[in-house]
């Protein structure tokens, strides 16, 4: 499975679990850190944990290995590092505070609505 296909699988999983304001940023041309940053938030701690679980399940099915996971205990900001894909699942308040979309604004927003229409 390509990195793009894995990114779509993560997006789809987050959509199914009702992740809020899912943002996909292509950072491949501005950083060697990863190709895609995926950012979403949950309504509460159990929702954040559920979103993390669904991402892990989708990436396991895709054969991707999580290199690092940070923040699960607090349920406020969980980072999942899959190498070329970094997934950030926040509480709403922490997402607004850290504003990763602003930090990575030089990346290209990926329009996933077109992908959803194809599915």
PDB file of N, CA and C in Angstrom:
ATOM      1  N   UNK A   1       0.855  -1.180   0.000  1.00  0.00           N
ATOM      2  CA  UNK A   1       0.000   0.000   0.000  1.00  0.00           C
ATOM      3  C   UNK A   1       0.898   1.240   0.000  1.00  0.00           C
ATOM      4  N   UNK A   2       0.591   2.201  -0.853  1.00  0.00           N
ATOM      5  CA  UNK A   2       1.392   3.420  -0.934  1.00  0.00           C
ATOM      6  C   UNK A   2       1.104   4.327   0.255  1.00  0.00           C
ATOM      7  N   UNK A   3       1.972   5.299   0.440  1.00  0.00           N
ATOM      8  CA  UNK A   3       1.764   6.279   1.515  1.00  0.00           C
ATOM      9  C   UNK A   3       0.446   7.014   1.311  1.00  0.00           C
ATOM     10  N   UNK A   4       0.141   7.370   0.065  1.00  0.00           N
ATOM     11  CA  UNK A   4      -1.112   8.068  -0.228  1.00  0.00           C
ATOM     12  C   UNK A   4      -2.313   7.193   0.143  1.00  0.00           C
ATOM     13  N   UNK A   5      -2.255   5.912  -0.182  1.00  0.00           N
ATOM     14  CA  UNK A   5      -3.350   4.997   0.149  1.00  0.00           C
ATOM     15  C   UNK A   5      -3.481   4.840   1.667  1.00  0.00           C
ATOM     16  N   UNK A   6      -2.356   4.797   2.363  1.00  0.00           N
ATOM     17  CA  UNK A   6      -2.398   4.727   3.827  1.00  0.00           C
ATOM     18  C   UNK A   6      -3.023   5.991   4.405  1.00  0.00           C
ATOM     19  N   UNK A   7      -2.656   7.132   3.851  1.00  0.00           N
ATOM     20  CA  UNK A   7      -3.235   8.401   4.317  1.00  0.00           C
ATOM     21  C   UNK A   7      -4.753   8.381   4.128  1.00  0.00           C
ATOM     22  N   UNK A   8      -5.206   7.895   2.967  1.00  0.00           N
ATOM     23  CA  UNK A   8      -6.644   7.813   2.716  1.00  0.00           C
ATOM     24  C   UNK A   8      -7.315   6.855   3.699  1.00  0.00           C
ATOM     25  N   UNK A   9      -6.643   5.756   4.043  1.00  0.00           N
ATOM     26  CA  UNK A   9      -7.206   4.800   5.003  1.00  0.00           C
ATOM     27  C   UNK A   9      -7.367   5.441   6.377  1.00  0.00           C
ATOM     28  N   UNK A  10      -6.372   6.234   6.792  1.00  0.00           N
ATOM     29  CA  UNK A  10      -6.461   6.945   8.072  1.00  0.00           C
ATOM     30  C   UNK A  10      -7.620   7.936   8.027  1.00  0.00           C
ATOM     31  N   UNK A  11      -7.694   8.711   6.950  1.00  0.00           N
ATOM     32  CA  UNK A  11      -8.770   9.692   6.814  1.00  0.00           C
ATOM     33  C   UNK A  11     -10.138   9.013   6.897  1.00  0.00           C
ATOM     34  N   UNK A  12     -10.285   7.919   6.167  1.00  0.00           N
ATOM     35  CA  UNK A  12     -11.558   7.196   6.164  1.00  0.00           C
ATOM     36  C   UNK A  12     -11.892   6.677   7.568  1.00  0.00           C
ATOM     37  N   UNK A  13     -10.907   6.123   8.266  1.00  0.00           N
ATOM     38  CA  UNK A  13     -11.138   5.613   9.620  1.00  0.00           C
ATOM     39  C   UNK A  13     -11.585   6.735  10.553  1.00  0.00           C
ATOM     40  N   UNK A  14     -10.916   7.885  10.472  1.00  0.00           N
ATOM     41  CA  UNK A  14     -11.288   9.027  11.313  1.00  0.00           C
ATOM     42  C   UNK A  14     -12.683   9.531  10.975  1.00  0.00           C
ATOM     43  N   UNK A  15     -13.029   9.511   9.709  1.00  0.00           N
ATOM     44  CA  UNK A  15     -14.365   9.929   9.277  1.00  0.00           C
ATOM     45  C   UNK A  15     -15.429   8.994   9.845  1.00  0.00           C
ATOM     46  N   UNK A  16     -15.162   7.694   9.784  1.00  0.00           N
ATOM     47  CA  UNK A  16     -16.122   6.714  10.301  1.00  0.00           C
ATOM     48  C   UNK A  16     -16.366   6.882  11.795  1.00  0.00           C
ATOM     49  N   UNK A  17     -15.331   7.273  12.537  1.00  0.00           N
ATOM     50  CA  UNK A  17     -15.457   7.470  13.987  1.00  0.00           C
ATOM     51  C   UNK A  17     -15.805   8.913  14.342  1.00  0.00           C
ATOM     52  N   UNK A  18     -16.200   9.684  13.333  1.00  0.00           N
ATOM     53  CA  UNK A  18     -16.658  11.057  13.506  1.00  0.00           C
ATOM     54  C   UNK A  18     -15.607  11.977  14.106  1.00  0.00           C
ATOM     55  N   UNK A  19     -14.367  11.842  13.606  1.00  0.00           N
ATOM     56  CA  UNK A  19     -13.336  12.804  13.957  1.00  0.00           C
ATOM     57  C   UNK A  19     -13.773  14.188  13.494  1.00  0.00           C
ATOM     58  N   UNK A  20     -13.436  15.188  14.250  1.00  0.00           N
ATOM     59  CA  UNK A  20     -13.898  16.552  13.964  1.00  0.00           C
ATOM     60  C   UNK A  20     -12.861  17.328  13.168  1.00  0.00           C
ATOM     61  N   UNK A  21     -13.335  18.050  12.155  1.00  0.00           N
ATOM     62  CA  UNK A  21     -12.491  18.948  11.356  1.00  0.00           C
ATOM     63  C   UNK A  21     -11.175  18.278  10.940  1.00  0.00           C
ATOM     64  N   UNK A  22     -11.289  17.146  10.268  1.00  0.00           N
ATOM     65  CA  UNK A  22     -10.104  16.398   9.846  1.00  0.00           C
ATOM     66  C   UNK A  22      -9.361  17.210   8.787  1.00  0.00           C
ATOM     67  N   UNK A  23      -8.082  17.457   9.045  1.00  0.00           N
ATOM     68  CA  UNK A  23      -7.238  18.217   8.132  1.00  0.00           C
ATOM     69  C   UNK A  23      -6.064  17.345   7.719  1.00  0.00           C
ATOM     70  N   UNK A  24      -5.814  17.294   6.414  1.00  0.00           N
ATOM     71  CA  UNK A  24      -4.660  16.574   5.886  1.00  0.00           C
ATOM     72  C   UNK A  24      -3.767  17.600   5.210  1.00  0.00           C
ATOM     73  N   UNK A  25      -2.500  17.630   5.630  1.00  0.00           N
ATOM     74  CA  UNK A  25      -1.534  18.575   5.073  1.00  0.00           C
ATOM     75  C   UNK A  25      -0.389  17.781   4.452  1.00  0.00           C
ATOM     76  N   UNK A  26      -0.132  18.045   3.170  1.00  0.00           N
ATOM     77  CA  UNK A  26       1.000  17.435   2.480  1.00  0.00           C
ATOM     78  C   UNK A  26       2.220  18.295   2.792  1.00  0.00           C
ATOM     79  N   UNK A  27       3.152  17.743   3.562  1.00  0.00           N
ATOM     80  CA  UNK A  27       4.349  18.497   3.949  1.00  0.00           C
ATOM     81  C   UNK A  27       5.601  17.951   3.259  1.00  0.00           C
ATOM     82  N   UNK A  28       5.403  17.103   2.261  1.00  0.00           N
ATOM     83  CA  UNK A  28       6.530  16.415   1.628  1.00  0.00           C
ATOM     84  C   UNK A  28       7.525  17.370   0.974  1.00  0.00           C
ATOM     85  N   UNK A  29       7.063  18.523   0.525  1.00  0.00           N
ATOM     86  CA  UNK A  29       7.957  19.465  -0.159  1.00  0.00           C
ATOM     87  C   UNK A  29       8.613  20.465   0.779  1.00  0.00           C
ATOM     88  N   UNK A  30       8.183  20.482   2.044  1.00  0.00           N
ATOM     89  CA  UNK A  30       8.749  21.471   2.975  1.00  0.00           C
ATOM     90  C   UNK A  30       9.453  20.850   4.173  1.00  0.00           C
ATOM     91  N   UNK A  31       9.366  19.510   4.290  1.00  0.00           N
ATOM     92  CA  UNK A  31       9.963  18.862   5.458  1.00  0.00           C
ATOM     93  C   UNK A  31      10.376  17.437   5.129  1.00  0.00           C
ATOM     94  N   UNK A  32      11.422  16.986   5.785  1.00  0.00           N
ATOM     95  CA  UNK A  32      11.812  15.581   5.678  1.00  0.00           C
ATOM     96  C   UNK A  32      11.198  14.762   6.804  1.00  0.00           C
ATOM     97  N   UNK A  33      10.441  15.411   7.662  1.00  0.00           N
ATOM     98  CA  UNK A  33       9.817  14.758   8.812  1.00  0.00           C
ATOM     99  C   UNK A  33       8.821  13.686   8.376  1.00  0.00           C
ATOM    100  N   UNK A  34       7.994  14.013   7.392  1.00  0.00           N
ATOM    101  CA  UNK A  34       6.940  13.105   6.929  1.00  0.00           C
ATOM    102  C   UNK A  34       6.411  13.628   5.601  1.00  0.00           C
ATOM    103  N   UNK A  35       5.515  12.859   4.998  1.00  0.00           N
ATOM    104  CA  UNK A  35       4.830  13.324   3.798  1.00  0.00           C
ATOM    105  C   UNK A  35       3.491  13.979   4.138  1.00  0.00           C
ATOM    106  N   UNK A  36       2.804  13.413   5.144  1.00  0.00           N
ATOM    107  CA  UNK A  36       1.478  13.919   5.507  1.00  0.00           C
ATOM    108  C   UNK A  36       1.364  14.115   7.009  1.00  0.00           C
ATOM    109  N   UNK A  37       0.731  15.226   7.372  1.00  0.00           N
ATOM    110  CA  UNK A  37       0.286  15.488   8.736  1.00  0.00           C
ATOM    111  C   UNK A  37      -1.228  15.393   8.705  1.00  0.00           C
ATOM    112  N   UNK A  38      -1.794  14.596   9.578  1.00  0.00           N
ATOM    113  CA  UNK A  38      -3.243  14.490   9.681  1.00  0.00           C
ATOM    114  C   UNK A  38      -3.618  14.976  11.079  1.00  0.00           C
ATOM    115  N   UNK A  39      -4.567  15.896  11.121  1.00  0.00           N
ATOM    116  CA  UNK A  39      -4.959  16.530  12.381  1.00  0.00           C
ATOM    117  C   UNK A  39      -6.476  16.422  12.531  1.00  0.00           C
ATOM    118  N   UNK A  40      -6.905  16.025  13.719  1.00  0.00           N
ATOM    119  CA  UNK A  40      -8.331  15.977  14.026  1.00  0.00           C
ATOM    120  C   UNK A  40      -8.506  16.157  15.526  1.00  0.00           C
ATOM    121  N   UNK A  41      -9.749  16.275  15.958  1.00  0.00           N
ATOM    122  CA  UNK A  41     -10.004  16.315  17.396  1.00  0.00           C
ATOM    123  C   UNK A  41     -11.275  15.539  17.722  1.00  0.00           C
ATOM    124  N   UNK A  42     -11.358  15.153  18.994  1.00  0.00           N
ATOM    125  CA  UNK A  42     -12.529  14.458  19.491  1.00  0.00           C
ATOM    126  C   UNK A  42     -13.306  15.333  20.450  1.00  0.00           C
ATOM    127  N   UNK A  43     -14.512  14.898  20.768  1.00  0.00           N
ATOM    128  CA  UNK A  43     -15.395  15.661  21.654  1.00  0.00           C
ATOM    129  C   UNK A  43     -14.982  15.580  23.114  1.00  0.00           C
ATOM    130  N   UNK A  44     -14.338  14.470  23.490  1.00  0.00           N
ATOM    131  CA  UNK A  44     -13.971  14.227  24.884  1.00  0.00           C
ATOM    132  C   UNK A  44     -12.880  13.159  24.902  1.00  0.00           C
ATOM    133  N   UNK A  45     -12.367  12.833  26.082  1.00  0.00           N
ATOM    134  CA  UNK A  45     -11.266  11.878  26.186  1.00  0.00           C
ATOM    135  C   UNK A  45     -11.609  10.501  25.599  1.00  0.00           C
ATOM    136  N   UNK A  46     -12.785   9.936  25.902  1.00  0.00           N
ATOM    137  CA  UNK A  46     -13.100   8.642  25.291  1.00  0.00           C
ATOM    138  C   UNK A  46     -13.169   8.709  23.754  1.00  0.00           C
ATOM    139  N   UNK A  47     -13.655   9.826  23.224  1.00  0.00           N
ATOM    140  CA  UNK A  47     -13.707   9.983  21.775  1.00  0.00           C
ATOM    141  C   UNK A  47     -12.293  10.064  21.185  1.00  0.00           C
ATOM    142  N   UNK A  48     -11.403  10.803  21.831  1.00  0.00           N
ATOM    143  CA  UNK A  48     -10.003  10.877  21.391  1.00  0.00           C
ATOM    144  C   UNK A  48      -9.406   9.472  21.378  1.00  0.00           C
ATOM    145  N   UNK A  49      -9.617   8.721  22.441  1.00  0.00           N
ATOM    146  CA  UNK A  49      -9.081   7.363  22.526  1.00  0.00           C
ATOM    147  C   UNK A  49      -9.658   6.465  21.443  1.00  0.00           C
ATOM    148  N   UNK A  50     -10.937   6.622  21.144  1.00  0.00           N
ATOM    149  CA  UNK A  50     -11.586   5.838  20.090  1.00  0.00           C
ATOM    150  C   UNK A  50     -10.993   6.175  18.714  1.00  0.00           C
ATOM    151  N   UNK A  51     -10.734   7.448  18.485  1.00  0.00           N
ATOM    152  CA  UNK A  51     -10.116   7.861  17.219  1.00  0.00           C
ATOM    153  C   UNK A  51      -8.718   7.265  17.069  1.00  0.00           C
ATOM    154  N   UNK A  52      -7.959   7.275  18.154  1.00  0.00           N
ATOM    155  CA  UNK A  52      -6.612   6.686  18.129  1.00  0.00           C
ATOM    156  C   UNK A  52      -6.706   5.194  17.823  1.00  0.00           C
ATOM    157  N   UNK A  53      -7.632   4.513  18.476  1.00  0.00           N
ATOM    158  CA  UNK A  53      -7.801   3.082  18.239  1.00  0.00           C
ATOM    159  C   UNK A  53      -8.131   2.784  16.777  1.00  0.00           C
ATOM    160  N   UNK A  54      -9.000   3.587  16.187  1.00  0.00           N
ATOM    161  CA  UNK A  54      -9.405   3.319  14.804  1.00  0.00           C
ATOM    162  C   UNK A  54      -8.247   3.587  13.836  1.00  0.00           C
ATOM    163  N   UNK A  55      -7.417   4.577  14.115  1.00  0.00           N
ATOM    164  CA  UNK A  55      -6.242   4.829  13.279  1.00  0.00           C
ATOM    165  C   UNK A  55      -5.281   3.652  13.381  1.00  0.00           C
ATOM    166  N   UNK A  56      -5.039   3.189  14.595  1.00  0.00           N
ATOM    167  CA  UNK A  56      -4.125   2.066  14.786  1.00  0.00           C
ATOM    168  C   UNK A  56      -4.621   0.817  14.064  1.00  0.00           C
ATOM    169  N   UNK A  57      -5.906   0.572  14.122  1.00  0.00           N
ATOM    170  CA  UNK A  57      -6.487  -0.583  13.442  1.00  0.00           C
ATOM    171  C   UNK A  57      -6.342  -0.454  11.927  1.00  0.00           C
ATOM    172  N   UNK A  58      -6.635   0.722  11.400  1.00  0.00           N
ATOM    173  CA  UNK A  58      -6.522   0.938   9.949  1.00  0.00           C
ATOM    174  C   UNK A  58      -5.088   0.778   9.478  1.00  0.00           C
ATOM    175  N   UNK A  59      -4.148   1.304  10.245  1.00  0.00           N
ATOM    176  CA  UNK A  59      -2.745   1.207   9.846  1.00  0.00           C
ATOM    177  C   UNK A  59      -2.211  -0.206  10.037  1.00  0.00           C
ATOM    178  N   UNK A  60      -2.696  -0.924  11.028  1.00  0.00           N
ATOM    179  CA  UNK A  60      -2.317  -2.338  11.175  1.00  0.00           C
ATOM    180  C   UNK A  60      -2.752  -3.121   9.935  1.00  0.00           C
ATOM    181  N   UNK A  61      -3.986  -2.883   9.485  1.00  0.00           N
ATOM    182  CA  UNK A  61      -4.493  -3.559   8.285  1.00  0.00           C
ATOM    183  C   UNK A  61      -3.665  -3.190   7.058  1.00  0.00           C
ATOM    184  N   UNK A  62      -3.152  -1.968   7.031  1.00  0.00           N
ATOM    185  CA  UNK A  62      -2.336  -1.496   5.903  1.00  0.00           C
ATOM    186  C   UNK A  62      -0.896  -2.001   5.995  1.00  0.00           C
ATOM    187  N   UNK A  63      -0.561  -2.640   7.104  1.00  0.00           N
ATOM    188  CA  UNK A  63       0.787  -3.158   7.278  1.00  0.00           C
ATOM    189  C   UNK A  63       1.794  -2.123   7.737  1.00  0.00           C
ATOM    190  N   UNK A  64       1.312  -0.983   8.215  1.00  0.00           N
ATOM    191  CA  UNK A  64       2.204   0.090   8.681  1.00  0.00           C
ATOM    192  C   UNK A  64       2.551  -0.126  10.151  1.00  0.00           C
ATOM    193  N   UNK A  65       3.768   0.233  10.493  1.00  0.00           N
ATOM    194  CA  UNK A  65       4.245   0.088  11.865  1.00  0.00           C
ATOM    195  C   UNK A  65       4.331   1.464  12.512  1.00  0.00           C
ATOM    196  N   UNK A  66       3.743   1.592  13.694  1.00  0.00           N
ATOM    197  CA  UNK A  66       3.816   2.843  14.438  1.00  0.00           C
ATOM    198  C   UNK A  66       5.202   2.955  15.062  1.00  0.00           C
ATOM    199  N   UNK A  67       5.957   3.970  14.642  1.00  0.00           N
ATOM    200  CA  UNK A  67       7.314   4.172  15.163  1.00  0.00           C
ATOM    201  C   UNK A  67       7.300   4.742  16.567  1.00  0.00           C
ATOM    202  N   UNK A  68       6.306   5.585  16.832  1.00  0.00           N
ATOM    203  CA  UNK A  68       6.243   6.245  18.127  1.00  0.00           C
ATOM    204  C   UNK A  68       4.811   6.671  18.405  1.00  0.00           C
ATOM    205  N   UNK A  69       4.459   6.603  19.669  1.00  0.00           N
ATOM    206  CA  UNK A  69       3.146   7.061  20.118  1.00  0.00           C
ATOM    207  C   UNK A  69       3.355   7.872  21.381  1.00  0.00           C
ATOM    208  N   UNK A  70       2.805   9.054  21.400  1.00  0.00           N
ATOM    209  CA  UNK A  70       2.954   9.951  22.550  1.00  0.00           C
ATOM    210  C   UNK A  70       1.596  10.470  22.985  1.00  0.00           C
ATOM    211  N   UNK A  71       1.401  10.586  24.301  1.00  0.00           N
ATOM    212  CA  UNK A  71       0.269  11.321  24.842  1.00  0.00           C
ATOM    213  C   UNK A  71      -1.003  10.570  25.128  1.00  0.00           C
ATOM    214  N   UNK A  72      -1.035   9.255  24.979  1.00  0.00           N
ATOM    215  CA  UNK A  72      -2.291   8.532  25.136  1.00  0.00           C
ATOM    216  C   UNK A  72      -2.880   8.641  26.534  1.00  0.00           C
ATOM    217  N   UNK A  73      -2.061   8.662  27.553  1.00  0.00           N
ATOM    218  CA  UNK A  73      -2.573   8.676  28.935  1.00  0.00           C
ATOM    219  C   UNK A  73      -3.442   9.886  29.236  1.00  0.00           C
ATOM    220  N   UNK A  74      -3.052  11.041  28.750  1.00  0.00           N
ATOM    221  CA  UNK A  74      -3.815  12.249  29.044  1.00  0.00           C
ATOM    222  C   UNK A  74      -5.055  12.397  28.198  1.00  0.00           C
ATOM    223  N   UNK A  75      -5.055  11.799  27.009  1.00  0.00           N
ATOM    224  CA  UNK A  75      -6.209  11.883  26.128  1.00  0.00           C
ATOM    225  C   UNK A  75      -6.472  13.270  25.588  1.00  0.00           C
ATOM    226  N   UNK A  76      -5.470  14.160  25.666  1.00  0.00           N
ATOM    227  CA  UNK A  76      -5.658  15.532  25.191  1.00  0.00           C
ATOM    228  C   UNK A  76      -4.959  15.775  23.854  1.00  0.00           C
ATOM    229  N   UNK A  77      -3.834  15.127  23.643  1.00  0.00           N
ATOM    230  CA  UNK A  77      -3.131  15.213  22.368  1.00  0.00           C
ATOM    231  C   UNK A  77      -2.354  13.921  22.210  1.00  0.00           C
ATOM    232  N   UNK A  78      -2.745  13.134  21.233  1.00  0.00           N
ATOM    233  CA  UNK A  78      -2.059  11.882  20.944  1.00  0.00           C
ATOM    234  C   UNK A  78      -1.411  12.012  19.582  1.00  0.00           C
ATOM    235  N   UNK A  79      -0.125  11.702  19.535  1.00  0.00           N
ATOM    236  CA  UNK A  79       0.626  11.735  18.289  1.00  0.00           C
ATOM    237  C   UNK A  79       1.004  10.306  17.926  1.00  0.00           C
ATOM    238  N   UNK A  80       0.685   9.917  16.696  1.00  0.00           N
ATOM    239  CA  UNK A  80       1.045   8.606  16.166  1.00  0.00           C
ATOM    240  C   UNK A  80       1.968   8.827  14.977  1.00  0.00           C
ATOM    241  N   UNK A  81       3.189   8.329  15.071  1.00  0.00           N
ATOM    242  CA  UNK A  81       4.192   8.522  14.029  1.00  0.00           C
ATOM    243  C   UNK A  81       4.344   7.230  13.234  1.00  0.00           C
ATOM    244  N   UNK A  82       3.891   7.277  11.986  1.00  0.00           N
ATOM    245  CA  UNK A  82       4.013   6.138  11.080  1.00  0.00           C
ATOM    246  C   UNK A  82       5.081   6.389  10.017  1.00  0.00           C
ATOM    247  N   UNK A  83       6.027   7.234  10.321  1.00  0.00           N
ATOM    248  CA  UNK A  83       7.099   7.526   9.371  1.00  0.00           C
ATOM    249  C   UNK A  83       6.672   8.602   8.395  1.00  0.00           C
ATOM    250  N   UNK A  84       6.072   8.200   7.294  1.00  0.00           N
ATOM    251  CA  UNK A  84       5.645   9.162   6.279  1.00  0.00           C
ATOM    252  C   UNK A  84       4.314   9.823   6.608  1.00  0.00           C
ATOM    253  N   UNK A  85       3.645   9.315   7.631  1.00  0.00           N
ATOM    254  CA  UNK A  85       2.355   9.875   8.053  1.00  0.00           C
ATOM    255  C   UNK A  85       2.407  10.109   9.562  1.00  0.00           C
ATOM    256  N   UNK A  86       2.093  11.325   9.971  1.00  0.00           N
ATOM    257  CA  UNK A  86       2.012  11.656  11.385  1.00  0.00           C
ATOM    258  C   UNK A  86       0.572  12.066  11.670  1.00  0.00           C
ATOM    259  N   UNK A  87      -0.034  11.375  12.627  1.00  0.00           N
ATOM    260  CA  UNK A  87      -1.434  11.617  12.974  1.00  0.00           C
ATOM    261  C   UNK A  87      -1.480  12.283  14.343  1.00  0.00           C
ATOM    262  N   UNK A  88      -2.194  13.401  14.416  1.00  0.00           N
ATOM    263  CA  UNK A  88      -2.381  14.144  15.664  1.00  0.00           C
ATOM    264  C   UNK A  88      -3.861  14.139  16.008  1.00  0.00           C
ATOM    265  N   UNK A  89      -4.194  13.570  17.164  1.00  0.00           N
ATOM    266  CA  UNK A  89      -5.581  13.550  17.627  1.00  0.00           C
ATOM    267  C   UNK A  89      -5.624  14.351  18.925  1.00  0.00           C
ATOM    268  N   UNK A  90      -6.396  15.415  18.905  1.00  0.00           N
ATOM    269  CA  UNK A  90      -6.446  16.367  20.010  1.00  0.00           C
ATOM    270  C   UNK A  90      -7.800  16.371  20.708  1.00  0.00           C
ATOM    271  N   UNK A  91      -7.820  16.945  21.903  1.00  0.00           N
ATOM    272  CA  UNK A  91      -9.054  17.480  22.460  1.00  0.00           C
ATOM    273  C   UNK A  91      -9.275  18.801  21.706  1.00  0.00           C
ATOM    274  N   UNK A  92     -10.489  19.276  21.671  1.00  0.00           N
ATOM    275  CA  UNK A  92     -10.778  20.510  20.932  1.00  0.00           C
ATOM    276  C   UNK A  92      -9.964  21.685  21.474  1.00  0.00           C
ATOM    277  N   UNK A  93      -9.875  21.798  22.790  1.00  0.00           N
ATOM    278  CA  UNK A  93      -9.171  22.923  23.407  1.00  0.00           C
ATOM    279  C   UNK A  93      -7.681  22.907  23.063  1.00  0.00           C
ATOM    280  N   UNK A  94      -7.074  21.736  23.146  1.00  0.00           N
ATOM    281  CA  UNK A  94      -5.645  21.645  22.844  1.00  0.00           C
ATOM    282  C   UNK A  94      -5.366  21.879  21.363  1.00  0.00           C
ATOM    283  N   UNK A  95      -6.275  21.436  20.517  1.00  0.00           N
ATOM    284  CA  UNK A  95      -6.083  21.694  19.089  1.00  0.00           C
ATOM    285  C   UNK A  95      -6.058  23.197  18.818  1.00  0.00           C
ATOM    286  N   UNK A  96      -6.975  23.901  19.409  1.00  0.00           N
ATOM    287  CA  UNK A  96      -6.994  25.356  19.219  1.00  0.00           C
ATOM    288  C   UNK A  96      -5.735  26.005  19.793  1.00  0.00           C
ATOM    289  N   UNK A  97      -5.280  25.513  20.942  1.00  0.00           N
ATOM    290  CA  UNK A  97      -4.102  26.083  21.596  1.00  0.00           C
ATOM    291  C   UNK A  97      -2.841  25.894  20.751  1.00  0.00           C
ATOM    292  N   UNK A  98      -2.595  24.656  20.296  1.00  0.00           N
ATOM    293  CA  UNK A  98      -1.359  24.369  19.573  1.00  0.00           C
ATOM    294  C   UNK A  98      -1.401  24.802  18.108  1.00  0.00           C
ATOM    295  N   UNK A  99      -2.571  24.835  17.512  1.00  0.00           N
ATOM    296  CA  UNK A  99      -2.793  25.355  16.163  1.00  0.00           C
ATOM    297  C   UNK A  99      -1.747  24.856  15.154  1.00  0.00           C
ATOM    298  N   UNK A 100      -1.646  23.539  15.018  1.00  0.00           N
ATOM    299  CA  UNK A 100      -0.678  22.958  14.083  1.00  0.00           C
ATOM    300  C   UNK A 100      -0.922  23.381  12.642  1.00  0.00           C
ATOM    301  N   UNK A 101      -2.172  23.643  12.305  1.00  0.00           N
ATOM    302  CA  UNK A 101      -2.460  24.096  10.942  1.00  0.00           C
ATOM    303  C   UNK A 101      -1.710  25.393  10.631  1.00  0.00           C
ATOM    304  N   UNK A 102      -1.583  26.267  11.606  1.00  0.00           N
ATOM    305  CA  UNK A 102      -0.842  27.509  11.400  1.00  0.00           C
ATOM    306  C   UNK A 102       0.649  27.219  11.270  1.00  0.00           C
ATOM    307  N   UNK A 103       1.154  26.347  12.124  1.00  0.00           N
ATOM    308  CA  UNK A 103       2.584  26.023  12.093  1.00  0.00           C
ATOM    309  C   UNK A 103       2.979  25.402  10.763  1.00  0.00           C
ATOM    310  N   UNK A 104       2.112  24.562  10.196  1.00  0.00           N
ATOM    311  CA  UNK A 104       2.408  23.873   8.937  1.00  0.00           C
ATOM    312  C   UNK A 104       1.699  24.513   7.745  1.00  0.00           C
ATOM    313  N   UNK A 105       1.407  25.789   7.815  1.00  0.00           N
ATOM    314  CA  UNK A 105       0.662  26.472   6.750  1.00  0.00           C
ATOM    315  C   UNK A 105       1.395  26.511   5.420  1.00  0.00           C
ATOM    316  N   UNK A 106       2.706  26.282   5.428  1.00  0.00           N
ATOM    317  CA  UNK A 106       3.449  26.241   4.168  1.00  0.00           C
ATOM    318  C   UNK A 106       3.238  24.932   3.418  1.00  0.00           C
ATOM    319  N   UNK A 107       2.642  23.958   4.074  1.00  0.00           N
ATOM    320  CA  UNK A 107       2.301  22.707   3.403  1.00  0.00           C
ATOM    321  C   UNK A 107       1.063  22.898   2.541  1.00  0.00           C
ATOM    322  N   UNK A 108       0.734  21.865   1.777  1.00  0.00           N
ATOM    323  CA  UNK A 108      -0.440  21.923   0.900  1.00  0.00           C
ATOM    324  C   UNK A 108      -1.601  21.184   1.557  1.00  0.00           C
ATOM    325  N   UNK A 109      -2.727  21.881   1.712  1.00  0.00           N
ATOM    326  CA  UNK A 109      -3.922  21.215   2.213  1.00  0.00           C
ATOM    327  C   UNK A 109      -4.404  20.228   1.156  1.00  0.00           C
ATOM    328  N   UNK A 110      -4.715  19.023   1.592  1.00  0.00           N
ATOM    329  CA  UNK A 110      -5.211  17.991   0.688  1.00  0.00           C
ATOM    330  C   UNK A 110      -6.730  18.002   0.777  1.00  0.00           C
ATOM    331  N   UNK A 111      -7.389  18.188  -0.373  1.00  0.00           N
ATOM    332  CA  UNK A 111      -8.849  18.244  -0.413  1.00  0.00           C
ATOM    333  C   UNK A 111      -9.401  16.823  -0.414  1.00  0.00           C
ATOM    334  N   UNK A 112      -9.783  16.360   0.742  1.00  0.00           N
ATOM    335  CA  UNK A 112     -10.283  14.997   0.864  1.00  0.00           C
ATOM    336  C   UNK A 112     -11.754  14.878   0.491  1.00  0.00           C
ATOM    337  N   UNK A 113     -12.460  15.995   0.319  1.00  0.00           N
ATOM    338  CA  UNK A 113     -13.864  15.916  -0.086  1.00  0.00           C
ATOM    339  C   UNK A 113     -13.984  15.286  -1.469  1.00  0.00           C
ATOM    340  N   UNK A 114     -13.022  15.564  -2.354  1.00  0.00           N
ATOM    341  CA  UNK A 114     -13.029  14.951  -3.680  1.00  0.00           C
ATOM    342  C   UNK A 114     -12.805  13.445  -3.564  1.00  0.00           C
ATOM    343  N   UNK A 115     -11.955  13.029  -2.634  1.00  0.00           N
ATOM    344  CA  UNK A 115     -11.714  11.604  -2.427  1.00  0.00           C
ATOM    345  C   UNK A 115     -12.957  10.916  -1.874  1.00  0.00           C
ATOM    346  N   UNK A 116     -13.660  11.586  -0.997  1.00  0.00           N
ATOM    347  CA  UNK A 116     -14.865  11.017  -0.402  1.00  0.00           C
ATOM    348  C   UNK A 116     -15.958  10.827  -1.465  1.00  0.00           C
ATOM    349  N   UNK A 117     -16.011  11.749  -2.429  1.00  0.00           N
ATOM    350  CA  UNK A 117     -17.009  11.631  -3.491  1.00  0.00           C
ATOM    351  C   UNK A 117     -16.731  10.417  -4.383  1.00  0.00           C
ATOM    352  N   UNK A 118     -15.451  10.076  -4.553  1.00  0.00           N
ATOM    353  CA  UNK A 118     -15.081   8.912  -5.372  1.00  0.00           C
ATOM    354  C   UNK A 118     -15.469   7.614  -4.690  1.00  0.00           C
ATOM    355  N   UNK A 119     -15.451   7.626  -3.338  1.00  0.00           N
ATOM    356  CA  UNK A 119     -15.695   6.365  -2.597  1.00  0.00           C
ATOM    357  C   UNK A 119     -17.134   5.918  -2.631  1.00  0.00           C
TER     358      UNK A 119
END
